N, C-alpha and C. Protein backbone atom coordinates (compact mmCIF):
# COMPACT_ATOMS: atom_id res chain seq x y z
N MET A 1 -56.27 -13.36 -174.36
CA MET A 1 -57.09 -12.92 -173.25
C MET A 1 -56.33 -13.15 -171.95
N THR A 2 -56.32 -12.18 -171.08
CA THR A 2 -55.66 -12.29 -169.79
C THR A 2 -56.67 -12.73 -168.75
N ILE A 3 -56.31 -13.74 -167.98
CA ILE A 3 -57.19 -14.24 -166.92
C ILE A 3 -56.73 -13.64 -165.60
N SER A 4 -57.67 -13.07 -164.87
CA SER A 4 -57.35 -12.47 -163.58
C SER A 4 -56.90 -13.53 -162.59
N ARG A 5 -55.89 -13.22 -161.82
CA ARG A 5 -55.43 -14.13 -160.78
C ARG A 5 -56.29 -14.01 -159.52
N ASP A 6 -57.24 -13.06 -159.54
CA ASP A 6 -58.10 -12.86 -158.38
C ASP A 6 -59.34 -13.76 -158.41
N ARG A 7 -59.66 -14.34 -159.57
CA ARG A 7 -60.83 -15.19 -159.73
C ARG A 7 -60.53 -16.32 -160.70
N PRO A 8 -61.17 -17.48 -160.51
CA PRO A 8 -61.04 -18.53 -161.52
C PRO A 8 -61.65 -18.05 -162.84
N ALA A 9 -61.23 -18.62 -163.94
CA ALA A 9 -61.74 -18.23 -165.25
C ALA A 9 -63.21 -18.61 -165.42
N ASP A 10 -63.65 -19.70 -164.81
CA ASP A 10 -65.02 -20.19 -164.98
C ASP A 10 -65.85 -19.96 -163.73
N PRO A 11 -67.18 -19.77 -163.91
CA PRO A 11 -68.06 -19.74 -162.73
C PRO A 11 -68.24 -21.17 -162.21
N TYR A 12 -68.82 -21.29 -161.03
CA TYR A 12 -69.05 -22.58 -160.37
C TYR A 12 -70.52 -22.69 -159.98
N PHE A 13 -71.00 -23.93 -159.84
CA PHE A 13 -72.31 -24.15 -159.24
C PHE A 13 -72.09 -24.80 -157.89
N PHE A 14 -73.06 -24.63 -157.00
CA PHE A 14 -73.08 -25.33 -155.71
C PHE A 14 -74.18 -26.38 -155.80
N GLY A 15 -73.80 -27.65 -155.72
CA GLY A 15 -74.77 -28.74 -155.72
C GLY A 15 -74.97 -29.25 -154.30
N TYR A 16 -76.22 -29.53 -153.94
CA TYR A 16 -76.53 -29.95 -152.57
C TYR A 16 -77.35 -31.23 -152.52
N GLY A 17 -77.62 -31.82 -153.70
CA GLY A 17 -78.39 -33.06 -153.77
C GLY A 17 -77.70 -34.04 -154.69
N SER A 18 -78.34 -34.37 -155.81
CA SER A 18 -77.76 -35.34 -156.74
C SER A 18 -76.46 -34.84 -157.37
N LEU A 19 -76.27 -33.53 -157.45
CA LEU A 19 -75.03 -33.00 -158.03
C LEU A 19 -73.82 -33.27 -157.14
N VAL A 20 -74.04 -33.67 -155.89
CA VAL A 20 -72.91 -34.06 -155.03
C VAL A 20 -72.35 -35.40 -155.51
N ASN A 21 -73.18 -36.19 -156.15
CA ASN A 21 -72.73 -37.48 -156.66
C ASN A 21 -72.03 -37.26 -158.00
N ARG A 22 -70.72 -37.35 -158.00
CA ARG A 22 -69.93 -37.08 -159.20
C ARG A 22 -70.23 -38.05 -160.34
N ARG A 23 -70.87 -39.18 -160.03
CA ARG A 23 -71.25 -40.12 -161.09
C ARG A 23 -72.36 -39.57 -161.97
N THR A 24 -73.03 -38.49 -161.55
CA THR A 24 -74.15 -37.95 -162.31
C THR A 24 -73.76 -36.80 -163.22
N HIS A 25 -72.49 -36.40 -163.21
CA HIS A 25 -72.06 -35.29 -164.07
C HIS A 25 -70.56 -35.37 -164.29
N ASP A 26 -70.09 -34.59 -165.25
CA ASP A 26 -68.65 -34.55 -165.52
C ASP A 26 -68.11 -33.13 -165.47
N PHE A 27 -68.72 -32.28 -164.65
CA PHE A 27 -68.21 -30.92 -164.49
C PHE A 27 -66.88 -30.98 -163.75
N PRO A 28 -65.89 -30.20 -164.20
CA PRO A 28 -64.54 -30.29 -163.63
C PRO A 28 -64.38 -29.53 -162.31
N ASP A 29 -63.27 -29.83 -161.67
CA ASP A 29 -62.85 -29.14 -160.45
C ASP A 29 -63.89 -29.22 -159.33
N ALA A 30 -64.53 -30.39 -159.21
CA ALA A 30 -65.53 -30.58 -158.16
C ALA A 30 -64.82 -30.75 -156.82
N ARG A 31 -65.32 -30.04 -155.82
CA ARG A 31 -64.72 -30.09 -154.49
C ARG A 31 -65.75 -29.74 -153.43
N PRO A 32 -65.56 -30.24 -152.20
CA PRO A 32 -66.51 -29.95 -151.12
C PRO A 32 -66.61 -28.46 -150.84
N ALA A 33 -67.81 -28.06 -150.42
CA ALA A 33 -68.08 -26.66 -150.10
C ALA A 33 -69.22 -26.60 -149.10
N ARG A 34 -69.46 -25.42 -148.59
CA ARG A 34 -70.56 -25.22 -147.63
C ARG A 34 -71.27 -23.91 -147.96
N ALA A 35 -72.60 -23.98 -148.10
CA ALA A 35 -73.42 -22.79 -148.32
C ALA A 35 -73.96 -22.33 -146.97
N ILE A 36 -73.67 -21.09 -146.63
CA ILE A 36 -74.08 -20.52 -145.35
C ILE A 36 -75.42 -19.81 -145.52
N GLY A 37 -76.32 -20.03 -144.56
CA GLY A 37 -77.61 -19.35 -144.58
C GLY A 37 -78.69 -20.07 -145.36
N TRP A 38 -78.50 -21.39 -145.59
CA TRP A 38 -79.47 -22.18 -146.35
C TRP A 38 -79.77 -23.49 -145.62
N ARG A 39 -80.95 -24.05 -145.94
CA ARG A 39 -81.35 -25.37 -145.45
C ARG A 39 -82.04 -26.09 -146.60
N ARG A 40 -81.80 -27.40 -146.73
CA ARG A 40 -82.45 -28.20 -147.76
C ARG A 40 -83.89 -28.52 -147.36
N VAL A 41 -84.78 -28.64 -148.35
CA VAL A 41 -86.18 -29.01 -148.12
C VAL A 41 -86.65 -29.89 -149.27
N TRP A 42 -87.55 -30.79 -148.96
CA TRP A 42 -88.23 -31.56 -150.02
C TRP A 42 -89.40 -30.73 -150.51
N ARG A 43 -89.58 -30.64 -151.84
CA ARG A 43 -90.64 -29.85 -152.44
C ARG A 43 -91.30 -30.65 -153.57
N HIS A 44 -92.46 -30.16 -154.01
CA HIS A 44 -93.08 -30.74 -155.21
C HIS A 44 -93.69 -29.63 -156.03
N THR A 45 -93.92 -29.95 -157.27
CA THR A 45 -94.57 -29.06 -158.21
C THR A 45 -95.43 -29.91 -159.14
N THR A 46 -96.36 -29.28 -159.82
CA THR A 46 -97.19 -30.02 -160.77
C THR A 46 -96.37 -30.47 -161.98
N ARG A 47 -95.15 -29.97 -162.13
CA ARG A 47 -94.29 -30.37 -163.26
C ARG A 47 -93.74 -31.79 -163.11
N ARG A 48 -93.72 -32.32 -161.89
CA ARG A 48 -93.12 -33.63 -161.65
C ARG A 48 -94.04 -34.47 -160.76
N GLN A 49 -93.96 -35.78 -160.93
CA GLN A 49 -94.75 -36.69 -160.11
C GLN A 49 -94.11 -36.95 -158.75
N ALA A 50 -92.81 -36.70 -158.63
CA ALA A 50 -92.09 -37.03 -157.39
C ALA A 50 -91.55 -35.76 -156.73
N ALA A 51 -91.27 -35.88 -155.44
CA ALA A 51 -90.66 -34.78 -154.69
C ALA A 51 -89.20 -34.63 -155.12
N PHE A 52 -88.67 -33.45 -154.93
CA PHE A 52 -87.27 -33.21 -155.22
C PHE A 52 -86.72 -32.21 -154.22
N LEU A 53 -85.41 -32.14 -154.15
CA LEU A 53 -84.76 -31.27 -153.18
C LEU A 53 -84.70 -29.83 -153.68
N SER A 54 -84.83 -28.93 -152.73
CA SER A 54 -84.59 -27.52 -152.98
C SER A 54 -83.92 -26.95 -151.74
N VAL A 55 -83.73 -25.65 -151.73
CA VAL A 55 -83.18 -24.98 -150.56
C VAL A 55 -84.04 -23.76 -150.25
N GLU A 56 -83.97 -23.34 -149.00
CA GLU A 56 -84.61 -22.09 -148.62
C GLU A 56 -83.70 -21.38 -147.64
N PRO A 57 -83.81 -20.04 -147.59
CA PRO A 57 -82.96 -19.30 -146.66
C PRO A 57 -83.21 -19.75 -145.22
N ALA A 58 -82.11 -19.85 -144.47
CA ALA A 58 -82.18 -20.26 -143.07
C ALA A 58 -81.01 -19.62 -142.33
N PRO A 59 -81.23 -18.45 -141.76
CA PRO A 59 -80.14 -17.78 -141.04
C PRO A 59 -79.54 -18.70 -139.99
N ASP A 60 -78.26 -18.58 -139.81
CA ASP A 60 -77.51 -19.34 -138.80
C ASP A 60 -77.47 -20.84 -139.09
N GLN A 61 -77.77 -21.26 -140.32
CA GLN A 61 -77.65 -22.65 -140.70
C GLN A 61 -76.75 -22.75 -141.93
N ALA A 62 -76.32 -23.95 -142.23
CA ALA A 62 -75.45 -24.17 -143.39
C ALA A 62 -75.65 -25.60 -143.89
N ILE A 63 -75.37 -25.79 -145.18
CA ILE A 63 -75.45 -27.13 -145.76
C ILE A 63 -74.17 -27.42 -146.53
N ASP A 64 -73.76 -28.67 -146.46
CA ASP A 64 -72.60 -29.11 -147.23
C ASP A 64 -73.05 -29.50 -148.63
N GLY A 65 -72.10 -29.41 -149.54
CA GLY A 65 -72.36 -29.78 -150.92
C GLY A 65 -71.07 -29.78 -151.70
N LEU A 66 -71.19 -29.58 -152.99
CA LEU A 66 -70.05 -29.63 -153.89
C LEU A 66 -70.09 -28.41 -154.78
N VAL A 67 -68.96 -27.77 -155.01
CA VAL A 67 -68.86 -26.78 -156.07
C VAL A 67 -68.11 -27.42 -157.22
N ALA A 68 -68.46 -27.04 -158.44
CA ALA A 68 -67.77 -27.52 -159.63
C ALA A 68 -67.81 -26.43 -160.68
N ALA A 69 -66.79 -26.41 -161.52
CA ALA A 69 -66.67 -25.39 -162.55
C ALA A 69 -67.67 -25.62 -163.68
N VAL A 70 -68.13 -24.54 -164.27
CA VAL A 70 -68.98 -24.57 -165.46
C VAL A 70 -68.11 -23.99 -166.58
N PRO A 71 -67.45 -24.84 -167.37
CA PRO A 71 -66.48 -24.36 -168.36
C PRO A 71 -67.05 -23.32 -169.31
N GLY A 72 -66.34 -22.22 -169.42
CA GLY A 72 -66.75 -21.14 -170.31
C GLY A 72 -68.03 -20.44 -169.90
N GLY A 73 -68.52 -20.71 -168.70
CA GLY A 73 -69.78 -20.11 -168.27
C GLY A 73 -70.96 -20.58 -169.11
N ASP A 74 -70.83 -21.76 -169.73
CA ASP A 74 -71.89 -22.32 -170.57
C ASP A 74 -72.86 -23.11 -169.68
N TRP A 75 -73.89 -22.44 -169.24
CA TRP A 75 -74.84 -23.00 -168.30
C TRP A 75 -75.93 -23.84 -168.97
N ALA A 76 -75.97 -23.91 -170.30
CA ALA A 76 -77.10 -24.52 -171.01
C ALA A 76 -77.42 -25.94 -170.53
N ALA A 77 -76.42 -26.82 -170.47
CA ALA A 77 -76.68 -28.21 -170.09
C ALA A 77 -77.16 -28.32 -168.64
N LEU A 78 -76.53 -27.56 -167.76
CA LEU A 78 -76.92 -27.62 -166.35
C LEU A 78 -78.29 -26.99 -166.13
N ASP A 79 -78.57 -25.87 -166.81
CA ASP A 79 -79.89 -25.26 -166.70
C ASP A 79 -80.97 -26.22 -167.21
N LEU A 80 -80.66 -27.00 -168.24
CA LEU A 80 -81.62 -27.98 -168.74
C LEU A 80 -81.85 -29.08 -167.71
N ARG A 81 -80.77 -29.58 -167.13
CA ARG A 81 -80.88 -30.61 -166.09
C ARG A 81 -81.70 -30.10 -164.91
N GLU A 82 -81.51 -28.85 -164.55
CA GLU A 82 -82.18 -28.26 -163.38
C GLU A 82 -83.35 -27.38 -163.81
N ALA A 83 -84.12 -27.83 -164.82
CA ALA A 83 -85.17 -27.02 -165.44
C ALA A 83 -86.26 -26.57 -164.47
N ALA A 84 -86.51 -27.28 -163.40
CA ALA A 84 -87.55 -26.89 -162.44
C ALA A 84 -87.05 -25.86 -161.44
N TYR A 85 -85.79 -25.44 -161.58
CA TYR A 85 -85.16 -24.54 -160.61
C TYR A 85 -84.78 -23.21 -161.26
N ASP A 86 -84.61 -22.21 -160.40
CA ASP A 86 -84.03 -20.93 -160.80
C ASP A 86 -82.57 -20.93 -160.35
N ARG A 87 -81.69 -20.40 -161.17
CA ARG A 87 -80.26 -20.28 -160.81
C ARG A 87 -80.03 -18.90 -160.21
N LEU A 88 -79.47 -18.88 -159.00
CA LEU A 88 -79.24 -17.63 -158.27
C LEU A 88 -77.77 -17.51 -157.87
N PRO A 89 -77.26 -16.30 -157.79
CA PRO A 89 -75.90 -16.14 -157.26
C PRO A 89 -75.87 -16.55 -155.79
N LEU A 90 -74.82 -17.24 -155.39
CA LEU A 90 -74.65 -17.67 -153.99
C LEU A 90 -73.56 -16.79 -153.39
N ARG A 91 -73.94 -16.01 -152.41
CA ARG A 91 -73.00 -15.03 -151.87
C ARG A 91 -72.12 -15.57 -150.75
N ASP A 92 -72.68 -16.41 -149.89
CA ASP A 92 -71.93 -16.85 -148.72
C ASP A 92 -71.65 -18.34 -148.83
N VAL A 93 -70.49 -18.68 -149.37
CA VAL A 93 -70.11 -20.07 -149.58
C VAL A 93 -68.63 -20.23 -149.24
N THR A 94 -68.30 -21.31 -148.54
CA THR A 94 -66.91 -21.58 -148.23
C THR A 94 -66.45 -22.78 -149.06
N HIS A 95 -65.22 -22.72 -149.50
CA HIS A 95 -64.62 -23.78 -150.34
C HIS A 95 -63.11 -23.63 -150.25
N ASP A 96 -62.39 -24.56 -150.85
CA ASP A 96 -60.93 -24.50 -150.80
C ASP A 96 -60.30 -24.04 -152.11
N LEU A 97 -61.09 -23.36 -152.97
CA LEU A 97 -60.51 -22.78 -154.16
C LEU A 97 -59.47 -21.74 -153.74
N PRO A 98 -58.38 -21.61 -154.47
CA PRO A 98 -57.32 -20.69 -154.05
C PRO A 98 -57.71 -19.22 -154.15
N VAL A 99 -58.76 -18.92 -154.91
CA VAL A 99 -59.22 -17.53 -155.05
C VAL A 99 -60.73 -17.50 -154.97
N PRO A 100 -61.32 -16.33 -154.70
CA PRO A 100 -62.79 -16.26 -154.69
C PRO A 100 -63.36 -16.66 -156.05
N ALA A 101 -64.55 -17.21 -156.04
CA ALA A 101 -65.19 -17.66 -157.28
C ALA A 101 -66.62 -17.17 -157.35
N GLU A 102 -67.11 -17.00 -158.57
CA GLU A 102 -68.52 -16.73 -158.80
C GLU A 102 -69.24 -18.07 -158.68
N VAL A 103 -70.16 -18.18 -157.71
CA VAL A 103 -70.85 -19.44 -157.46
C VAL A 103 -72.36 -19.20 -157.54
N HIS A 104 -73.07 -20.16 -158.17
CA HIS A 104 -74.52 -20.09 -158.28
C HIS A 104 -75.13 -21.33 -157.62
N ILE A 105 -76.37 -21.17 -157.19
CA ILE A 105 -77.13 -22.25 -156.58
C ILE A 105 -78.49 -22.33 -157.28
N TYR A 106 -79.02 -23.53 -157.37
CA TYR A 106 -80.35 -23.73 -157.97
C TYR A 106 -81.38 -23.87 -156.85
N ARG A 107 -82.51 -23.18 -157.04
CA ARG A 107 -83.58 -23.19 -156.03
C ARG A 107 -84.93 -23.18 -156.73
N THR A 108 -85.87 -23.94 -156.21
CA THR A 108 -87.23 -23.89 -156.76
C THR A 108 -87.88 -22.59 -156.32
N SER A 109 -88.96 -22.25 -156.98
CA SER A 109 -89.74 -21.09 -156.59
C SER A 109 -90.25 -21.29 -155.17
N PRO A 110 -90.22 -20.23 -154.34
CA PRO A 110 -90.77 -20.38 -152.98
C PRO A 110 -92.24 -20.78 -152.98
N ALA A 111 -92.93 -20.61 -154.10
CA ALA A 111 -94.34 -20.98 -154.17
C ALA A 111 -94.55 -22.49 -154.26
N PHE A 112 -93.49 -23.24 -154.58
CA PHE A 112 -93.63 -24.69 -154.67
C PHE A 112 -93.99 -25.23 -153.29
N ALA A 113 -94.80 -26.27 -153.29
CA ALA A 113 -95.38 -26.77 -152.05
C ALA A 113 -94.54 -27.86 -151.40
N ALA A 114 -94.79 -28.04 -150.11
CA ALA A 114 -94.20 -29.18 -149.41
C ALA A 114 -94.76 -30.45 -150.04
N PRO A 115 -93.97 -31.53 -150.09
CA PRO A 115 -94.45 -32.74 -150.74
C PRO A 115 -95.63 -33.38 -150.01
N VAL A 116 -96.41 -34.10 -150.77
CA VAL A 116 -97.57 -34.81 -150.24
C VAL A 116 -97.50 -36.25 -150.73
N ALA A 117 -98.42 -37.07 -150.30
CA ALA A 117 -98.40 -38.49 -150.64
C ALA A 117 -98.39 -38.72 -152.15
N GLU A 118 -99.04 -37.83 -152.91
CA GLU A 118 -99.09 -37.99 -154.36
C GLU A 118 -97.75 -37.65 -155.02
N HIS A 119 -96.84 -37.06 -154.28
CA HIS A 119 -95.51 -36.66 -154.79
C HIS A 119 -94.44 -37.22 -153.85
N PRO A 120 -94.24 -38.54 -153.85
CA PRO A 120 -93.29 -39.14 -152.90
C PRO A 120 -91.84 -38.87 -153.30
N ILE A 121 -90.95 -39.11 -152.36
CA ILE A 121 -89.51 -39.10 -152.62
C ILE A 121 -89.18 -40.43 -153.29
N LEU A 122 -88.52 -40.39 -154.43
CA LEU A 122 -88.09 -41.64 -155.08
C LEU A 122 -86.86 -42.18 -154.36
N LEU A 123 -86.91 -43.43 -153.96
CA LEU A 123 -85.76 -44.03 -153.30
C LEU A 123 -84.56 -44.05 -154.25
N SER A 124 -84.77 -44.23 -155.55
CA SER A 124 -83.66 -44.21 -156.50
C SER A 124 -82.96 -42.86 -156.52
N TYR A 125 -83.71 -41.78 -156.31
CA TYR A 125 -83.13 -40.44 -156.20
C TYR A 125 -82.37 -40.30 -154.88
N LEU A 126 -83.00 -40.71 -153.81
CA LEU A 126 -82.36 -40.62 -152.50
C LEU A 126 -81.10 -41.47 -152.44
N ASP A 127 -81.12 -42.67 -153.04
CA ASP A 127 -79.91 -43.50 -153.12
C ASP A 127 -78.77 -42.75 -153.79
N CYS A 128 -79.07 -42.07 -154.89
CA CYS A 128 -78.07 -41.31 -155.64
C CYS A 128 -77.48 -40.20 -154.77
N VAL A 129 -78.35 -39.47 -154.11
CA VAL A 129 -77.90 -38.35 -153.27
C VAL A 129 -77.04 -38.87 -152.11
N LEU A 130 -77.54 -39.86 -151.39
CA LEU A 130 -76.80 -40.36 -150.23
C LEU A 130 -75.49 -41.03 -150.64
N GLN A 131 -75.46 -41.71 -151.77
CA GLN A 131 -74.19 -42.28 -152.23
C GLN A 131 -73.18 -41.16 -152.47
N GLY A 132 -73.61 -40.06 -153.07
CA GLY A 132 -72.72 -38.93 -153.28
C GLY A 132 -72.18 -38.38 -151.98
N PHE A 133 -73.05 -38.22 -150.98
CA PHE A 133 -72.60 -37.70 -149.69
C PHE A 133 -71.67 -38.69 -149.00
N LEU A 134 -71.95 -39.98 -149.12
CA LEU A 134 -71.05 -40.98 -148.54
C LEU A 134 -69.66 -40.90 -149.18
N HIS A 135 -69.59 -40.74 -150.48
CA HIS A 135 -68.29 -40.68 -151.17
C HIS A 135 -67.52 -39.41 -150.85
N VAL A 136 -68.21 -38.29 -150.74
CA VAL A 136 -67.53 -37.01 -150.52
C VAL A 136 -67.31 -36.71 -149.04
N PHE A 137 -68.29 -37.00 -148.21
CA PHE A 137 -68.25 -36.57 -146.80
C PHE A 137 -68.23 -37.73 -145.80
N GLY A 138 -68.37 -38.97 -146.27
CA GLY A 138 -68.37 -40.10 -145.36
C GLY A 138 -69.71 -40.27 -144.66
N PRO A 139 -69.81 -41.28 -143.79
CA PRO A 139 -71.08 -41.53 -143.09
C PRO A 139 -71.56 -40.33 -142.27
N ALA A 140 -70.66 -39.61 -141.62
CA ALA A 140 -71.07 -38.44 -140.83
C ALA A 140 -71.69 -37.38 -141.74
N GLY A 141 -71.13 -37.23 -142.94
CA GLY A 141 -71.67 -36.25 -143.89
C GLY A 141 -73.04 -36.66 -144.43
N ALA A 142 -73.24 -37.95 -144.65
CA ALA A 142 -74.55 -38.43 -145.10
C ALA A 142 -75.59 -38.23 -143.99
N ASP A 143 -75.19 -38.47 -142.75
CA ASP A 143 -76.09 -38.21 -141.62
C ASP A 143 -76.39 -36.72 -141.50
N ALA A 144 -75.39 -35.87 -141.75
CA ALA A 144 -75.60 -34.42 -141.71
C ALA A 144 -76.57 -33.98 -142.81
N PHE A 145 -76.48 -34.63 -143.97
CA PHE A 145 -77.44 -34.34 -145.04
C PHE A 145 -78.87 -34.57 -144.53
N ILE A 146 -79.10 -35.69 -143.90
CA ILE A 146 -80.43 -35.99 -143.37
C ILE A 146 -80.85 -34.96 -142.33
N ALA A 147 -79.92 -34.62 -141.44
CA ALA A 147 -80.24 -33.68 -140.35
C ALA A 147 -80.49 -32.26 -140.84
N THR A 148 -79.93 -31.89 -141.98
CA THR A 148 -80.09 -30.51 -142.48
C THR A 148 -81.09 -30.44 -143.63
N THR A 149 -82.00 -31.41 -143.68
CA THR A 149 -83.04 -31.44 -144.71
C THR A 149 -84.39 -31.57 -144.03
N ASP A 150 -85.34 -30.74 -144.43
CA ASP A 150 -86.70 -30.79 -143.89
C ASP A 150 -87.62 -31.54 -144.85
N GLY A 151 -88.67 -32.15 -144.30
CA GLY A 151 -89.69 -32.80 -145.12
C GLY A 151 -89.64 -34.30 -145.09
N TRP A 152 -89.00 -34.87 -144.09
CA TRP A 152 -88.85 -36.33 -144.03
C TRP A 152 -90.14 -37.06 -143.67
N GLU A 153 -91.23 -36.36 -143.45
CA GLU A 153 -92.51 -37.04 -143.25
C GLU A 153 -93.12 -37.45 -144.60
N THR A 154 -92.51 -37.01 -145.69
CA THR A 154 -92.96 -37.36 -147.03
C THR A 154 -92.77 -38.85 -147.30
N PRO A 155 -93.76 -39.53 -147.87
CA PRO A 155 -93.57 -40.95 -148.20
C PRO A 155 -92.39 -41.15 -149.16
N ILE A 156 -91.71 -42.26 -149.01
CA ILE A 156 -90.61 -42.63 -149.90
C ILE A 156 -91.07 -43.84 -150.70
N LEU A 157 -91.01 -43.73 -152.03
CA LEU A 157 -91.42 -44.79 -152.92
C LEU A 157 -90.23 -45.69 -153.22
N ASN A 158 -90.32 -46.95 -152.81
CA ASN A 158 -89.22 -47.89 -153.04
C ASN A 158 -89.26 -48.37 -154.49
N ASP A 159 -88.54 -47.64 -155.34
CA ASP A 159 -88.51 -47.96 -156.77
C ASP A 159 -87.17 -48.58 -157.17
N ARG A 160 -86.44 -49.16 -156.23
CA ARG A 160 -85.13 -49.74 -156.55
C ARG A 160 -85.22 -50.82 -157.62
N ALA A 161 -86.25 -51.63 -157.59
CA ALA A 161 -86.37 -52.72 -158.56
C ALA A 161 -86.57 -52.18 -159.98
N ARG A 162 -87.27 -51.05 -160.08
CA ARG A 162 -87.51 -50.39 -161.38
C ARG A 162 -87.31 -48.90 -161.17
N PRO A 163 -86.06 -48.43 -161.15
CA PRO A 163 -85.77 -47.03 -160.83
C PRO A 163 -86.46 -46.05 -161.78
N GLN A 164 -87.11 -45.08 -161.18
CA GLN A 164 -87.76 -44.02 -161.95
C GLN A 164 -86.85 -42.81 -162.13
N TYR A 165 -85.85 -42.67 -161.28
CA TYR A 165 -84.95 -41.53 -161.37
C TYR A 165 -83.97 -41.75 -162.52
N ALA A 166 -83.87 -40.78 -163.41
CA ALA A 166 -83.08 -40.93 -164.64
C ALA A 166 -81.60 -41.19 -164.37
N ARG A 167 -81.06 -40.65 -163.28
CA ARG A 167 -79.63 -40.81 -162.98
C ARG A 167 -79.41 -41.77 -161.81
N HIS A 168 -80.25 -42.81 -161.73
CA HIS A 168 -80.11 -43.77 -160.63
C HIS A 168 -78.72 -44.42 -160.68
N VAL A 169 -78.30 -44.91 -159.54
CA VAL A 169 -76.95 -45.48 -159.40
C VAL A 169 -77.06 -46.89 -158.82
N ASP A 170 -76.01 -47.67 -159.06
CA ASP A 170 -75.89 -48.97 -158.40
C ASP A 170 -75.22 -48.76 -157.05
N LEU A 171 -75.74 -49.40 -156.03
CA LEU A 171 -75.18 -49.28 -154.68
C LEU A 171 -74.34 -50.50 -154.35
N SER A 172 -73.29 -50.27 -153.59
CA SER A 172 -72.55 -51.40 -153.03
C SER A 172 -73.39 -51.97 -151.88
N ALA A 173 -73.02 -53.14 -151.41
CA ALA A 173 -73.74 -53.74 -150.28
C ALA A 173 -73.64 -52.85 -149.05
N ALA A 174 -72.47 -52.27 -148.82
CA ALA A 174 -72.28 -51.40 -147.65
C ALA A 174 -73.12 -50.13 -147.77
N GLU A 175 -73.19 -49.56 -148.96
CA GLU A 175 -74.01 -48.36 -149.16
C GLU A 175 -75.48 -48.67 -148.95
N ARG A 176 -75.93 -49.79 -149.49
CA ARG A 176 -77.34 -50.18 -149.32
C ARG A 176 -77.67 -50.39 -147.84
N THR A 177 -76.78 -51.06 -147.10
CA THR A 177 -77.00 -51.28 -145.67
C THR A 177 -77.08 -49.95 -144.93
N PHE A 178 -76.15 -49.05 -145.23
CA PHE A 178 -76.15 -47.73 -144.58
C PHE A 178 -77.46 -47.01 -144.85
N ILE A 179 -77.86 -46.94 -146.12
CA ILE A 179 -79.06 -46.19 -146.48
C ILE A 179 -80.30 -46.84 -145.88
N ASP A 180 -80.40 -48.15 -145.95
CA ASP A 180 -81.57 -48.83 -145.38
C ASP A 180 -81.67 -48.60 -143.87
N ASP A 181 -80.53 -48.56 -143.19
CA ASP A 181 -80.52 -48.28 -141.77
C ASP A 181 -81.06 -46.88 -141.50
N ARG A 182 -80.64 -45.91 -142.30
CA ARG A 182 -81.11 -44.53 -142.11
C ARG A 182 -82.58 -44.41 -142.45
N LEU A 183 -83.04 -45.12 -143.48
CA LEU A 183 -84.47 -45.09 -143.83
C LEU A 183 -85.33 -45.58 -142.67
N ALA A 184 -84.85 -46.60 -141.98
CA ALA A 184 -85.61 -47.15 -140.85
C ALA A 184 -85.76 -46.15 -139.72
N ARG A 185 -84.88 -45.16 -139.66
CA ARG A 185 -84.94 -44.15 -138.59
C ARG A 185 -85.78 -42.93 -138.95
N LEU A 186 -86.14 -42.79 -140.22
CA LEU A 186 -86.90 -41.61 -140.66
C LEU A 186 -88.38 -41.78 -140.38
N PRO A 187 -89.10 -40.67 -140.17
CA PRO A 187 -90.54 -40.78 -139.99
C PRO A 187 -91.28 -41.08 -141.29
N ALA A 188 -90.60 -40.97 -142.43
CA ALA A 188 -91.24 -41.18 -143.73
C ALA A 188 -91.69 -42.63 -143.90
N PRO A 189 -92.93 -42.85 -144.30
CA PRO A 189 -93.35 -44.21 -144.60
C PRO A 189 -92.73 -44.68 -145.91
N LEU A 190 -92.28 -45.93 -145.96
CA LEU A 190 -91.71 -46.50 -147.17
C LEU A 190 -92.80 -47.26 -147.90
N ARG A 191 -93.07 -46.84 -149.15
CA ARG A 191 -94.13 -47.45 -149.94
C ARG A 191 -93.55 -48.27 -151.08
N THR A 192 -94.28 -49.25 -151.54
CA THR A 192 -93.89 -50.00 -152.73
C THR A 192 -94.75 -49.53 -153.88
N PRO A 193 -94.22 -49.60 -155.11
CA PRO A 193 -95.01 -49.12 -156.28
C PRO A 193 -96.28 -49.94 -156.49
């Protein structure tokens, strides 16, 4: 089989939340990228007890994230992980791949609602996401994640002692201090289980 030099052999996904944290997956060729025309939002559905991240179109805005290859175009494992989302082609994305790539993004249905008190943001999930942004983009990138995400009035459930998020991570002391400082600045109330 001949592989075109105009495109990579494998398609890529664009991750903008927990997929930025490379500790949560082993997809190859992960690298920073930017999706143009999107903004992150916290959403909920009756399928889950907690809020989760999604994206919605936002002209003249952009979000940072990670692209990574999906070997052989085998989306099964990633589609299972992102079961509450629809996978869509991403048309306007910048990255440092040497050639254009087929890139997809996961998005919840627009009918999904803004989070409410009964569907809080899990701190174990937020820790995972912010750790990923700290590792890939540094403190400025983690702050940009917060600034380019809507829905911070949603309560945050402090589940660090008993993490509910399946891919929770251990934080260094510096990461915990950074995240706790940012939590104190958010309008979201911090709740205990």
